[in-house]
N, C-alpha and C. Protein backbone atom coordinates (compact mmCIF):
# COMPACT_ATOMS: atom_id res chain seq x y z
N MET A 1 116.58 102.96 130.81
CA MET A 1 117.10 101.49 131.28
C MET A 1 116.39 100.70 131.79
N SER A 2 115.49 101.21 132.63
CA SER A 2 114.34 100.04 133.87
C SER A 2 113.87 99.67 132.04
N LEU A 3 113.17 100.53 131.54
CA LEU A 3 111.96 99.93 130.78
C LEU A 3 113.15 98.83 129.14
N ALA A 4 113.99 99.08 129.08
CA ALA A 4 115.16 98.23 128.41
C ALA A 4 114.92 96.66 129.13
N ALA A 5 115.01 96.43 130.56
CA ALA A 5 114.86 95.58 131.07
C ALA A 5 113.59 95.06 131.44
N LEU A 6 112.94 95.36 131.60
CA LEU A 6 111.05 95.32 131.07
C LEU A 6 111.40 94.57 130.13
N SER A 7 112.05 95.23 128.99
CA SER A 7 111.36 93.92 127.76
C SER A 7 112.81 93.28 127.43
N PHE A 8 113.62 93.21 127.94
CA PHE A 8 114.32 91.71 127.65
C PHE A 8 113.90 90.67 128.62
N PHE A 9 113.20 91.14 129.94
CA PHE A 9 112.84 89.86 130.66
C PHE A 9 112.00 89.87 129.77
N GLY A 10 110.85 90.63 130.00
CA GLY A 10 109.45 90.31 129.13
C GLY A 10 109.60 89.08 128.53
N TRP A 11 110.52 89.18 127.02
CA TRP A 11 110.28 88.69 125.70
C TRP A 11 111.28 87.38 126.31
N ALA A 12 112.29 87.33 126.87
CA ALA A 12 112.49 85.60 127.61
C ALA A 12 111.56 85.10 128.03
N PHE A 13 110.80 85.76 129.41
CA PHE A 13 109.53 84.78 129.68
C PHE A 13 108.62 84.15 128.62
N ILE A 14 108.30 85.22 127.80
CA ILE A 14 107.47 85.23 126.46
C ILE A 14 108.14 83.35 126.08
N GLU A 15 109.23 83.86 125.21
CA GLU A 15 110.31 83.05 124.71
C GLU A 15 110.49 81.62 125.74
N ILE A 16 111.10 81.37 126.81
CA ILE A 16 110.85 79.98 127.75
C ILE A 16 109.63 79.42 127.76
N ALA A 17 108.25 80.56 128.18
CA ALA A 17 107.19 79.52 128.43
C ALA A 17 106.79 78.94 126.76
N GLY A 18 107.12 79.83 125.61
CA GLY A 18 106.53 79.08 124.60
C GLY A 18 107.17 77.20 124.10
N ASP A 19 109.07 77.76 125.24
CA ASP A 19 109.92 76.25 124.52
C ASP A 19 109.17 75.72 125.67
N VAL A 20 108.99 75.79 126.60
CA VAL A 20 107.93 74.33 127.92
C VAL A 20 107.06 73.78 127.07
N MET A 21 105.82 74.71 126.58
CA MET A 21 104.77 74.38 126.00
C MET A 21 104.95 73.25 124.80
N GLU A 22 106.05 73.62 123.44
CA GLU A 22 106.48 73.01 122.52
C GLU A 22 107.19 71.85 123.06
N GLY A 23 107.59 71.49 124.27
CA GLY A 23 108.59 70.46 125.32
C GLY A 23 110.06 70.54 124.66
N ASP A 24 110.02 71.94 124.34
CA ASP A 24 111.70 71.79 123.63
C ASP A 24 112.45 71.75 124.93
N THR A 25 112.65 72.43 125.89
CA THR A 25 113.04 72.09 126.95
C THR A 25 113.46 70.83 127.82
N ALA A 26 112.66 70.15 127.37
CA ALA A 26 112.52 68.55 128.04
C ALA A 26 114.01 68.12 128.15
N ALA A 27 115.04 68.46 127.13
CA ALA A 27 116.24 66.75 127.13
C ALA A 27 116.55 68.16 128.35
N LEU A 28 116.90 69.06 128.14
CA LEU A 28 118.40 70.01 128.85
C LEU A 28 117.53 70.22 130.43
N ASP A 29 116.16 69.98 131.14
CA ASP A 29 115.72 70.10 132.42
C ASP A 29 116.02 68.72 132.27
N ARG A 30 115.59 67.78 132.22
CA ARG A 30 116.02 66.22 132.39
C ARG A 30 117.21 66.23 133.29
N ALA A 31 118.61 66.24 132.30
CA ALA A 31 119.90 66.62 132.20
C ALA A 31 120.37 67.26 133.38
N ALA A 32 120.01 68.19 133.67
CA ALA A 32 119.97 69.23 134.71
C ALA A 32 119.84 68.71 135.92
N LEU A 33 118.74 67.76 135.97
CA LEU A 33 118.06 67.66 137.70
C LEU A 33 118.94 66.57 137.68
N LEU A 34 119.21 65.72 136.65
CA LEU A 34 120.11 64.16 136.74
C LEU A 34 121.00 64.26 136.93
N ALA A 35 122.26 65.38 136.83
CA ALA A 35 123.37 65.89 136.95
C ALA A 35 123.76 66.34 138.35
N LEU A 36 122.70 66.53 138.94
CA LEU A 36 122.84 67.30 140.28
C LEU A 36 122.40 66.63 141.12
N ARG A 37 122.27 65.17 141.04
CA ARG A 37 121.94 63.41 141.31
C ARG A 37 122.84 62.16 141.83
N ASP A 38 123.15 61.37 142.50
CA ASP A 38 124.36 60.73 142.80
C ASP A 38 123.57 59.81 141.76
N ALA A 39 124.09 59.36 140.65
CA ALA A 39 123.85 58.24 139.40
C ALA A 39 123.58 57.37 140.25
N ALA A 40 124.35 56.41 140.95
CA ALA A 40 123.88 55.40 141.58
C ALA A 40 121.95 55.19 142.55
N ASP A 41 122.05 56.50 143.39
CA ASP A 41 120.95 56.81 143.86
C ASP A 41 120.30 57.84 143.89
N PRO A 42 119.16 58.50 142.70
CA PRO A 42 118.76 59.82 142.37
C PRO A 42 118.02 60.21 143.17
N ALA A 43 117.45 59.92 144.23
CA ALA A 43 117.41 60.28 145.57
C ALA A 43 118.07 61.24 146.57
N ASP A 44 119.58 60.79 146.14
CA ASP A 44 120.41 61.35 146.83
C ASP A 44 121.64 62.98 146.02
N PRO A 45 120.92 64.21 146.52
CA PRO A 45 121.47 64.88 145.66
C PRO A 45 123.17 64.93 146.07
N LEU A 46 123.96 65.78 145.30
CA LEU A 46 124.93 65.63 145.30
C LEU A 46 125.71 66.60 145.78
N GLY A 47 127.31 66.41 147.10
CA GLY A 47 127.63 67.14 148.27
C GLY A 47 126.54 66.31 149.19
N PRO A 48 127.55 67.15 150.07
CA PRO A 48 127.70 66.70 152.07
C PRO A 48 125.85 67.07 152.18
N HIS A 49 125.50 65.93 153.39
CA HIS A 49 124.29 66.79 153.94
C HIS A 49 124.36 67.79 154.19
N TRP A 50 125.22 68.27 155.30
CA TRP A 50 125.27 69.55 155.05
C TRP A 50 124.67 70.79 154.31
N LEU A 51 125.27 70.59 152.95
CA LEU A 51 124.58 71.17 152.06
C LEU A 51 123.29 71.19 151.11
N GLU A 52 122.74 69.84 151.26
CA GLU A 52 120.79 70.28 151.46
C GLU A 52 120.10 70.57 152.49
N GLU A 53 120.96 70.65 153.53
CA GLU A 53 120.16 71.22 154.53
C GLU A 53 120.35 72.87 154.09
N ALA A 54 121.22 73.33 153.81
CA ALA A 54 121.57 74.68 153.68
C ALA A 54 120.71 74.91 152.25
N MET A 55 120.55 74.08 151.53
CA MET A 55 119.24 74.72 150.26
C MET A 55 118.27 74.77 150.70
N ARG A 56 117.53 73.96 151.88
CA ARG A 56 116.65 73.37 152.85
C ARG A 56 116.26 75.54 153.44
N ASP A 57 117.22 76.04 153.76
CA ASP A 57 117.22 77.13 154.45
C ASP A 57 117.37 78.10 153.59
N LEU A 58 117.87 77.81 152.54
CA LEU A 58 118.06 79.07 151.81
C LEU A 58 116.48 79.17 150.67
N THR A 59 116.17 77.63 150.17
CA THR A 59 114.17 78.27 149.44
C THR A 59 113.67 78.27 150.52
N GLY A 60 113.74 78.90 151.68
CA GLY A 60 112.90 79.19 153.20
C GLY A 60 112.73 80.96 152.44
N LEU A 61 113.95 81.07 151.84
CA LEU A 61 113.87 82.51 151.76
C LEU A 61 112.74 83.07 150.44
N GLY A 62 112.46 82.34 150.03
CA GLY A 62 110.76 82.70 148.68
C GLY A 62 110.05 82.20 149.13
N GLY A 63 109.86 81.91 150.36
CA GLY A 63 108.27 81.35 150.59
C GLY A 63 107.51 82.07 151.39
N HIS A 64 106.61 82.45 151.04
CA HIS A 64 105.77 83.53 151.42
C HIS A 64 105.82 83.98 153.24
N ALA A 65 105.93 83.20 154.44
CA ALA A 65 106.47 83.47 155.47
C ALA A 65 107.21 85.15 155.58
N VAL A 66 108.29 83.99 154.96
CA VAL A 66 109.74 85.15 154.62
C VAL A 66 109.83 85.98 153.99
N LEU A 67 108.93 86.07 152.77
CA LEU A 67 108.11 87.24 151.84
C LEU A 67 107.73 88.14 152.42
N THR A 68 106.48 87.46 153.36
CA THR A 68 105.87 89.07 153.86
C THR A 68 106.52 89.31 155.53
N ILE A 69 107.15 88.77 155.77
CA ILE A 69 107.99 89.42 156.92
C ILE A 69 108.86 90.80 156.61
N VAL A 70 110.00 90.12 155.33
CA VAL A 70 110.57 90.88 154.79
C VAL A 70 109.76 92.16 153.79
N THR A 71 108.61 91.79 153.19
CA THR A 71 108.08 93.63 152.88
C THR A 71 107.46 94.16 153.43
N LEU A 72 106.99 93.39 154.65
CA LEU A 72 106.43 94.85 156.20
C LEU A 72 107.62 95.03 156.47
N SER A 73 108.64 94.63 156.60
CA SER A 73 109.78 96.01 157.64
C SER A 73 110.07 96.56 156.78
N ALA A 74 110.02 96.10 155.27
CA ALA A 74 110.72 97.35 154.51
C ALA A 74 109.36 98.61 154.31
N VAL A 75 108.46 98.00 154.31
CA VAL A 75 106.93 99.36 154.72
C VAL A 75 107.37 99.98 155.71
N ALA A 76 107.55 99.27 156.42
CA ALA A 76 107.77 99.63 157.97
C ALA A 76 109.00 100.95 158.17
N TYR A 77 109.90 100.05 158.32
CA TYR A 77 111.29 101.45 157.22
C TYR A 77 110.89 102.21 156.97
N LEU A 78 110.07 103.04 156.00
CA LEU A 78 110.09 103.86 154.94
C LEU A 78 109.00 104.36 155.36
N LEU A 79 108.06 103.58 155.96
CA LEU A 79 106.77 104.95 157.13
C LEU A 79 107.70 105.44 158.00
N LEU A 80 108.85 104.97 158.90
CA LEU A 80 109.34 105.74 159.93
C LEU A 80 109.88 106.57 159.22
N ALA A 81 110.54 106.34 158.06
CA ALA A 81 111.54 107.24 157.35
C ALA A 81 110.74 108.53 156.75
N GLY A 82 109.28 108.43 157.04
CA GLY A 82 108.34 109.55 156.47
C GLY A 82 108.28 109.58 154.49
N LYS A 83 108.48 108.61 154.79
CA LYS A 83 108.28 107.81 153.46
C LYS A 83 107.19 107.60 152.86
N ARG A 84 105.69 107.46 153.39
CA ARG A 84 104.30 107.19 152.57
C ARG A 84 104.15 106.50 151.66
N HIS A 85 104.20 107.77 150.93
CA HIS A 85 104.05 107.37 149.39
C HIS A 85 104.74 106.20 148.88
N ALA A 86 106.61 105.69 149.29
CA ALA A 86 106.95 105.13 148.44
C ALA A 86 106.61 103.54 149.38
N ALA A 87 105.70 103.68 150.79
CA ALA A 87 105.81 102.65 151.27
C ALA A 87 104.73 102.05 150.61
N LEU A 88 103.40 102.71 150.42
CA LEU A 88 102.26 102.31 149.81
C LEU A 88 102.86 101.77 148.45
N LEU A 89 104.12 102.44 147.43
CA LEU A 89 104.12 101.78 146.48
C LEU A 89 104.96 100.10 146.91
N VAL A 90 105.38 100.07 147.64
CA VAL A 90 105.67 98.93 147.76
C VAL A 90 104.98 97.78 148.23
N VAL A 91 104.05 98.07 149.19
CA VAL A 91 102.85 97.30 149.08
C VAL A 91 101.82 96.76 147.83
N VAL A 92 101.56 98.02 146.86
CA VAL A 92 101.03 97.87 145.77
C VAL A 92 101.82 96.77 144.32
N ALA A 93 103.21 97.32 145.13
CA ALA A 93 103.97 96.66 143.71
C ALA A 93 104.34 95.13 144.30
N VAL A 94 104.52 95.12 145.66
CA VAL A 94 105.14 93.59 145.94
C VAL A 94 103.35 92.66 145.92
N GLY A 95 102.74 93.54 146.05
CA GLY A 95 101.19 92.65 146.36
C GLY A 95 100.27 92.39 144.37
N GLY A 96 100.66 93.04 143.48
CA GLY A 96 100.21 93.04 142.05
C GLY A 96 101.65 91.74 141.56
N GLY A 97 102.74 91.92 141.95
CA GLY A 97 103.65 90.43 142.15
C GLY A 97 103.22 88.94 142.31
N MET A 98 103.03 89.33 143.28
CA MET A 98 102.39 87.71 144.13
C MET A 98 101.00 87.49 143.17
N LEU A 99 100.13 88.39 142.85
CA LEU A 99 99.17 87.77 142.09
C LEU A 99 99.45 87.52 140.72
N LEU A 100 100.64 88.13 139.86
CA LEU A 100 100.95 87.73 138.71
C LEU A 100 101.36 86.43 138.80
N SER A 101 102.52 86.22 139.83
CA SER A 101 102.70 84.65 139.56
C SER A 101 101.87 83.73 140.03
N HIS A 102 101.04 83.63 140.89
CA HIS A 102 99.99 82.80 140.97
C HIS A 102 99.14 82.59 139.98
N GLY A 103 98.99 83.75 139.18
CA GLY A 103 97.26 84.04 137.72
C GLY A 103 98.63 82.93 136.70
N LEU A 104 99.59 83.11 136.77
CA LEU A 104 100.62 82.06 135.64
C LEU A 104 100.42 81.02 136.34
N LYS A 105 100.63 80.25 137.48
CA LYS A 105 101.11 79.20 138.02
C LYS A 105 100.08 78.64 137.44
N LEU A 106 98.45 79.22 137.42
CA LEU A 106 96.85 78.63 137.37
C LEU A 106 96.93 78.53 135.44
N GLY A 107 97.59 79.16 135.07
CA GLY A 107 97.27 79.56 133.76
C GLY A 107 98.13 78.22 133.09
N PHE A 108 99.83 78.15 133.79
CA PHE A 108 100.19 76.78 132.53
C PHE A 108 100.06 75.59 133.46
N GLU A 109 99.80 75.40 134.29
CA GLU A 109 99.35 74.16 135.22
C GLU A 109 100.12 73.37 134.30
N ARG A 110 101.80 73.37 134.33
CA ARG A 110 103.26 72.62 134.34
C ARG A 110 102.91 71.22 135.76
N PRO A 111 102.99 70.58 135.66
CA PRO A 111 103.31 69.30 136.74
C PRO A 111 104.99 69.33 137.34
N ARG A 112 104.83 69.01 138.47
CA ARG A 112 105.83 68.56 138.86
C ARG A 112 107.10 67.83 138.62
N PRO A 113 108.14 68.09 138.46
CA PRO A 113 109.31 66.94 138.33
C PRO A 113 109.15 66.03 138.81
N ASP A 114 109.04 64.42 137.52
CA ASP A 114 109.04 63.28 138.57
C ASP A 114 110.07 62.49 138.40
N LEU A 115 111.29 62.95 137.78
CA LEU A 115 112.13 62.40 137.83
C LEU A 115 112.96 61.66 138.64
N VAL A 116 113.04 63.30 139.77
CA VAL A 116 114.04 62.57 141.00
C VAL A 116 112.77 62.96 141.78
N PRO A 117 113.31 62.67 143.41
CA PRO A 117 112.67 62.71 144.08
C PRO A 117 112.89 63.85 144.98
N HIS A 118 111.72 64.75 145.54
CA HIS A 118 111.65 66.24 145.92
C HIS A 118 112.42 65.71 147.34
N GLY A 119 113.00 66.93 147.37
CA GLY A 119 113.18 67.44 148.53
C GLY A 119 112.84 68.12 150.32
N MET A 120 111.44 68.61 149.37
CA MET A 120 110.66 69.07 150.50
C MET A 120 109.31 68.49 150.06
N ARG A 121 108.30 69.21 150.61
CA ARG A 121 106.88 68.91 149.82
C ARG A 121 106.58 70.17 149.37
N VAL A 122 105.79 70.02 147.88
CA VAL A 122 104.79 70.45 147.56
C VAL A 122 103.78 70.34 146.78
N TYR A 123 102.65 71.54 146.57
CA TYR A 123 101.48 71.65 146.27
C TYR A 123 100.86 72.16 145.49
N THR A 124 101.90 72.73 144.30
CA THR A 124 101.16 73.73 143.98
C THR A 124 102.29 73.23 141.87
N ALA A 125 101.13 73.95 141.11
CA ALA A 125 101.87 73.79 139.61
C ALA A 125 103.56 73.72 139.55
N SER A 126 103.63 73.72 138.62
CA SER A 126 105.40 73.79 138.51
C SER A 126 106.17 75.29 137.98
N PHE A 127 105.20 75.45 136.63
CA PHE A 127 105.22 76.89 136.11
C PHE A 127 104.91 77.75 136.06
N PRO A 128 105.42 78.84 136.27
CA PRO A 128 106.95 79.14 136.32
C PRO A 128 107.12 79.00 138.08
N SER A 129 108.45 78.97 138.73
CA SER A 129 108.60 78.83 140.12
C SER A 129 108.72 79.87 140.63
N GLY A 130 107.36 79.32 141.81
CA GLY A 130 106.60 80.79 142.36
C GLY A 130 107.93 81.00 143.27
N HIS A 131 109.11 80.38 143.79
CA HIS A 131 109.50 80.64 144.78
C HIS A 131 110.76 81.50 144.00
N ALA A 132 111.00 81.03 143.21
CA ALA A 132 111.88 82.10 142.02
C ALA A 132 111.38 83.24 141.54
N MET A 133 110.53 83.29 141.04
CA MET A 133 109.40 84.75 140.63
C MET A 133 109.06 85.58 141.83
N LEU A 134 108.29 84.74 143.09
CA LEU A 134 108.50 85.53 143.97
C LEU A 134 109.39 86.54 144.67
N SER A 135 110.72 85.51 144.66
CA SER A 135 111.65 85.91 145.46
C SER A 135 112.29 87.52 144.78
N ALA A 136 112.46 87.07 143.07
CA ALA A 136 112.56 88.36 142.06
C ALA A 136 111.56 89.29 142.65
N VAL A 137 110.42 89.17 142.32
CA VAL A 137 109.21 90.15 142.61
C VAL A 137 109.15 91.10 144.07
N VAL A 138 109.97 90.29 145.03
CA VAL A 138 110.42 91.05 146.56
C VAL A 138 111.53 91.22 146.61
N TYR A 139 112.56 90.88 146.55
CA TYR A 139 113.25 91.42 146.21
C TYR A 139 114.12 91.92 145.39
N LEU A 140 114.00 91.81 144.12
CA LEU A 140 114.31 92.85 142.98
C LEU A 140 113.34 94.33 143.36
N THR A 141 112.35 93.82 143.51
CA THR A 141 111.21 95.44 143.63
C THR A 141 111.67 96.09 144.76
N LEU A 142 112.22 95.19 145.85
CA LEU A 142 112.59 96.42 147.11
C LEU A 142 113.74 97.07 147.05
N GLY A 143 114.59 96.51 145.92
CA GLY A 143 116.35 96.80 146.26
C GLY A 143 115.86 97.37 144.98
N ALA A 144 114.58 97.70 143.74
CA ALA A 144 115.19 98.93 143.05
C ALA A 144 113.54 100.05 143.64
N LEU A 145 113.44 100.00 144.33
CA LEU A 145 112.77 100.98 145.03
C LEU A 145 113.13 101.13 146.37
N LEU A 146 113.75 100.65 147.21
CA LEU A 146 114.66 101.61 148.17
C LEU A 146 115.76 102.37 147.49
N THR A 147 116.29 101.42 146.16
CA THR A 147 117.50 102.67 145.36
C THR A 147 116.58 104.14 145.11
N ARG A 148 115.20 103.96 145.13
CA ARG A 148 114.96 105.12 144.59
C ARG A 148 114.65 106.49 146.17
N VAL A 149 114.97 106.21 146.65
CA VAL A 149 114.92 106.67 147.81
C VAL A 149 116.13 106.67 148.97
N GLU A 150 116.80 106.30 148.63
CA GLU A 150 118.61 106.67 148.34
C GLU A 150 119.79 107.22 148.00
N ARG A 151 120.04 108.01 148.29
CA ARG A 151 120.82 109.08 147.74
C ARG A 151 122.29 108.09 147.18
N ARG A 152 123.07 107.29 148.15
CA ARG A 152 124.50 106.74 148.00
C ARG A 152 124.24 105.95 147.26
N ARG A 153 125.84 105.93 146.57
CA ARG A 153 125.63 104.64 145.32
C ARG A 153 125.87 103.95 146.20
N HIS A 154 126.65 104.17 146.97
CA HIS A 154 127.17 102.49 147.94
C HIS A 154 126.35 101.76 148.24
N ILE A 155 125.42 102.43 149.04
CA ILE A 155 124.76 101.93 149.41
C ILE A 155 123.32 100.73 148.47
N ARG A 156 123.30 101.84 147.62
CA ARG A 156 122.08 101.66 146.05
C ARG A 156 122.65 100.24 145.55
N ALA A 157 124.16 100.02 145.92
CA ALA A 157 124.82 99.22 144.71
C ALA A 157 124.81 97.84 146.12
N PHE A 158 124.59 98.17 147.23
CA PHE A 158 124.87 96.91 148.36
C PHE A 158 122.85 96.44 147.94
N LEU A 159 122.25 97.49 147.84
CA LEU A 159 120.96 96.94 147.83
C LEU A 159 120.26 96.25 147.01
N LEU A 160 121.16 96.21 145.76
CA LEU A 160 120.48 95.77 144.20
C LEU A 160 121.53 94.07 144.52
N GLY A 161 122.97 94.46 144.99
CA GLY A 161 123.55 93.41 144.51
C GLY A 161 123.11 92.61 145.54
N THR A 162 122.54 92.30 146.71
CA THR A 162 122.20 91.78 147.59
C THR A 162 120.72 90.71 147.28
N ALA A 163 119.81 91.55 146.36
CA ALA A 163 118.76 91.14 146.27
C ALA A 163 118.70 90.26 145.22
N ILE A 164 120.01 90.58 144.14
CA ILE A 164 119.93 89.80 143.16
C ILE A 164 120.61 88.49 143.97
N LEU A 165 121.79 88.44 144.67
CA LEU A 165 121.94 87.23 145.15
C LEU A 165 121.13 86.29 145.99
N VAL A 166 120.09 86.65 146.73
CA VAL A 166 119.35 85.87 147.09
C VAL A 166 118.36 85.45 146.42
N THR A 167 118.11 86.20 145.63
CA THR A 167 116.77 85.66 144.64
C THR A 167 117.79 84.56 143.53
N VAL A 168 118.58 84.43 143.33
CA VAL A 168 119.63 83.44 142.53
C VAL A 168 119.99 82.68 143.18
N LEU A 169 120.14 82.14 144.75
CA LEU A 169 120.46 81.43 145.69
C LEU A 169 118.88 80.56 145.46
N VAL A 170 117.87 81.56 145.93
CA VAL A 170 116.19 80.73 146.06
C VAL A 170 116.15 80.29 145.01
N GLY A 171 116.24 80.66 143.17
CA GLY A 171 116.35 79.45 142.36
C GLY A 171 117.06 78.30 142.41
N LEU A 172 118.18 78.30 142.55
CA LEU A 172 119.07 77.75 142.55
C LEU A 172 118.77 76.60 143.34
N SER A 173 117.83 76.95 144.53
CA SER A 173 117.82 75.76 145.93
C SER A 173 116.73 74.82 144.88
N ARG A 174 115.90 75.24 144.58
CA ARG A 174 114.37 74.86 143.98
C ARG A 174 114.91 73.36 143.29
N ILE A 175 115.66 73.57 142.07
CA ILE A 175 116.49 72.56 141.12
C ILE A 175 116.98 71.71 141.95
N TYR A 176 118.07 72.12 142.87
CA TYR A 176 118.79 71.16 143.86
C TYR A 176 118.15 70.24 144.40
N LEU A 177 116.99 70.94 145.04
CA LEU A 177 115.94 70.22 145.95
C LEU A 177 114.77 69.44 144.93
N GLY A 178 115.31 69.75 143.41
CA GLY A 178 114.16 68.55 143.17
C GLY A 178 112.85 69.16 142.57
N VAL A 179 112.21 70.25 142.98
CA VAL A 179 111.00 70.46 143.10
C VAL A 179 110.83 71.16 142.04
N HIS A 180 111.93 71.61 141.43
CA HIS A 180 111.26 72.53 140.00
C HIS A 180 111.89 72.08 138.74
N TRP A 181 111.56 72.42 137.56
CA TRP A 181 112.83 72.13 136.45
C TRP A 181 113.50 73.31 136.24
N PRO A 182 114.78 73.46 135.59
CA PRO A 182 115.17 74.22 135.54
C PRO A 182 114.71 75.74 134.86
N SER A 183 114.31 75.49 133.76
CA SER A 183 113.49 76.13 132.74
C SER A 183 112.26 76.49 133.94
N ASP A 184 112.09 75.97 134.78
CA ASP A 184 110.31 76.78 135.58
C ASP A 184 111.70 77.72 136.61
N VAL A 185 112.47 77.74 136.83
CA VAL A 185 112.80 78.35 137.48
C VAL A 185 113.89 80.37 136.92
N LEU A 186 113.78 79.69 135.96
CA LEU A 186 114.82 80.07 134.71
C LEU A 186 113.41 81.08 134.09
N ALA A 187 112.18 80.59 133.70
CA ALA A 187 110.88 82.07 133.64
C ALA A 187 110.74 82.71 135.02
N GLY A 188 110.55 81.95 136.06
CA GLY A 188 109.94 82.69 137.54
C GLY A 188 111.38 83.78 137.75
N TRP A 189 112.60 83.50 137.34
CA TRP A 189 113.75 84.85 137.50
C TRP A 189 113.00 85.68 136.49
N CYS A 190 112.69 85.62 135.36
CA CYS A 190 112.16 86.41 134.17
C CYS A 190 111.31 87.42 134.29
N GLY A 191 110.49 86.58 135.19
CA GLY A 191 108.66 87.27 134.72
C GLY A 191 109.14 88.21 136.04
N GLY A 192 110.04 87.77 137.35
CA GLY A 192 109.93 88.42 138.65
C GLY A 192 111.07 89.78 137.87
N ALA A 193 111.67 89.59 137.46
CA ALA A 193 112.89 90.77 137.18
C ALA A 193 111.72 91.80 136.40
N ALA A 194 110.91 90.67 135.37
CA ALA A 194 110.64 91.92 134.37
C ALA A 194 109.05 92.93 135.38
N TRP A 195 109.07 92.22 136.01
CA TRP A 195 107.80 92.56 136.68
C TRP A 195 108.66 93.67 137.85
N ALA A 196 109.91 93.91 138.92
CA ALA A 196 110.79 94.97 139.27
C ALA A 196 110.91 95.45 138.31
N SER A 197 111.27 95.11 136.85
CA SER A 197 111.43 96.66 135.95
C SER A 197 110.57 97.45 135.72
N LEU A 198 109.20 96.85 136.00
CA LEU A 198 108.23 97.56 135.37
C LEU A 198 107.70 98.92 137.15
N CYS A 199 108.04 98.23 138.28
CA CYS A 199 107.79 99.00 139.51
C CYS A 199 108.86 99.85 139.39
N TRP A 200 110.24 99.65 139.47
CA TRP A 200 111.14 100.83 139.08
C TRP A 200 111.12 101.99 138.19
N PHE A 201 110.68 101.67 136.73
CA PHE A 201 110.39 102.55 135.77
C PHE A 201 108.88 103.80 136.78
N ILE A 202 107.88 102.68 136.84
CA ILE A 202 106.97 103.73 138.25
C ILE A 202 107.10 104.31 138.50
N ALA A 203 108.26 103.82 139.82
CA ALA A 203 108.92 104.49 140.94
C ALA A 203 109.54 105.84 140.30
N LEU A 204 110.16 105.85 138.89
CA LEU A 204 110.75 106.68 139.12
C LEU A 204 110.42 107.75 138.50
N GLN A 205 109.28 107.74 137.77
CA GLN A 205 108.54 108.60 136.93
C GLN A 205 107.11 109.11 137.91
N LEU A 206 106.73 108.39 139.10
CA LEU A 206 105.92 108.83 140.21
C LEU A 206 107.34 110.25 140.86
N GLN A 207 108.33 109.72 141.25
CA GLN A 207 109.18 110.91 141.96
C GLN A 207 109.43 111.90 140.87
N ARG A 208 109.34 111.59 139.94
CA ARG A 208 110.19 112.84 138.73
C ARG A 208 109.06 114.02 139.64
N ARG A 209 107.46 113.35 139.24
CA ARG A 209 106.56 113.98 139.81
C ARG A 209 106.07 114.67 140.66
N GLY A 210 106.64 113.90 141.93
CA GLY A 210 106.70 114.58 142.97
C GLY A 210 105.50 113.55 143.78
N GLU A 211 104.69 112.59 143.42
CA GLU A 211 104.02 111.93 144.02
C GLU A 211 104.50 110.96 145.41
N VAL A 212 106.37 110.70 144.80
CA VAL A 212 106.62 109.78 145.37
C VAL A 212 107.90 110.05 146.23
N GLU A 213 108.60 110.07 147.35
CA GLU A 213 109.49 110.96 148.11
C GLU A 213 110.93 110.48 147.30
N ALA A 214 111.38 112.14 147.00
CA ALA A 214 113.08 111.70 146.58
C ALA A 214 114.19 111.57 147.68
N PRO A 215 114.93 110.89 146.92
CA PRO A 215 116.28 110.38 148.30
C PRO A 215 116.50 111.45 149.05
N SER A 216 117.44 110.57 150.40
CA SER A 216 117.46 112.18 151.34
C SER A 216 118.57 111.20 152.00
């Protein structure tokens, strides 16, 4: 299952990247951003003011500071539970995913949207969305890896469901705030999900060989 997910999300990322480079997503990207803005004032996102503030809060869940805290907390939990190898795997998986995300952004160098005013400051290139990809890398990787050290099915479902929900909300917040094209976010999700699937597969193989702790 993890290899199938890796193949699907990896293929999807490549397809989106190709379409972006050829300009095939431009019309849809523009339409989606404008659909979330007041037609009379593109600087004003649709919805009440509290929604815009909520989106800023949600987008923070994909920021480096929050992701670092989440990762360190997960590592601490695994160490306290006596799962040292699983903790090391988390560090390698998340660190590798972050390096991959930054490398892709440097490689594509797509400009940020200039169609609507940004809802917050941005400093890097646009494709793929770093917040979308890094939230997928961290939350989906942690969700996948933690399910490999948890036997109870309802807890595994909760962990994965929460990881997916947070990842989706972070990506949507980037589009709503006008700091990313929708194709940036979709590519970020796919890239992050592909990496998480790879880490899930590796964790399973290592666990079967006894190199990563089994569920308890």
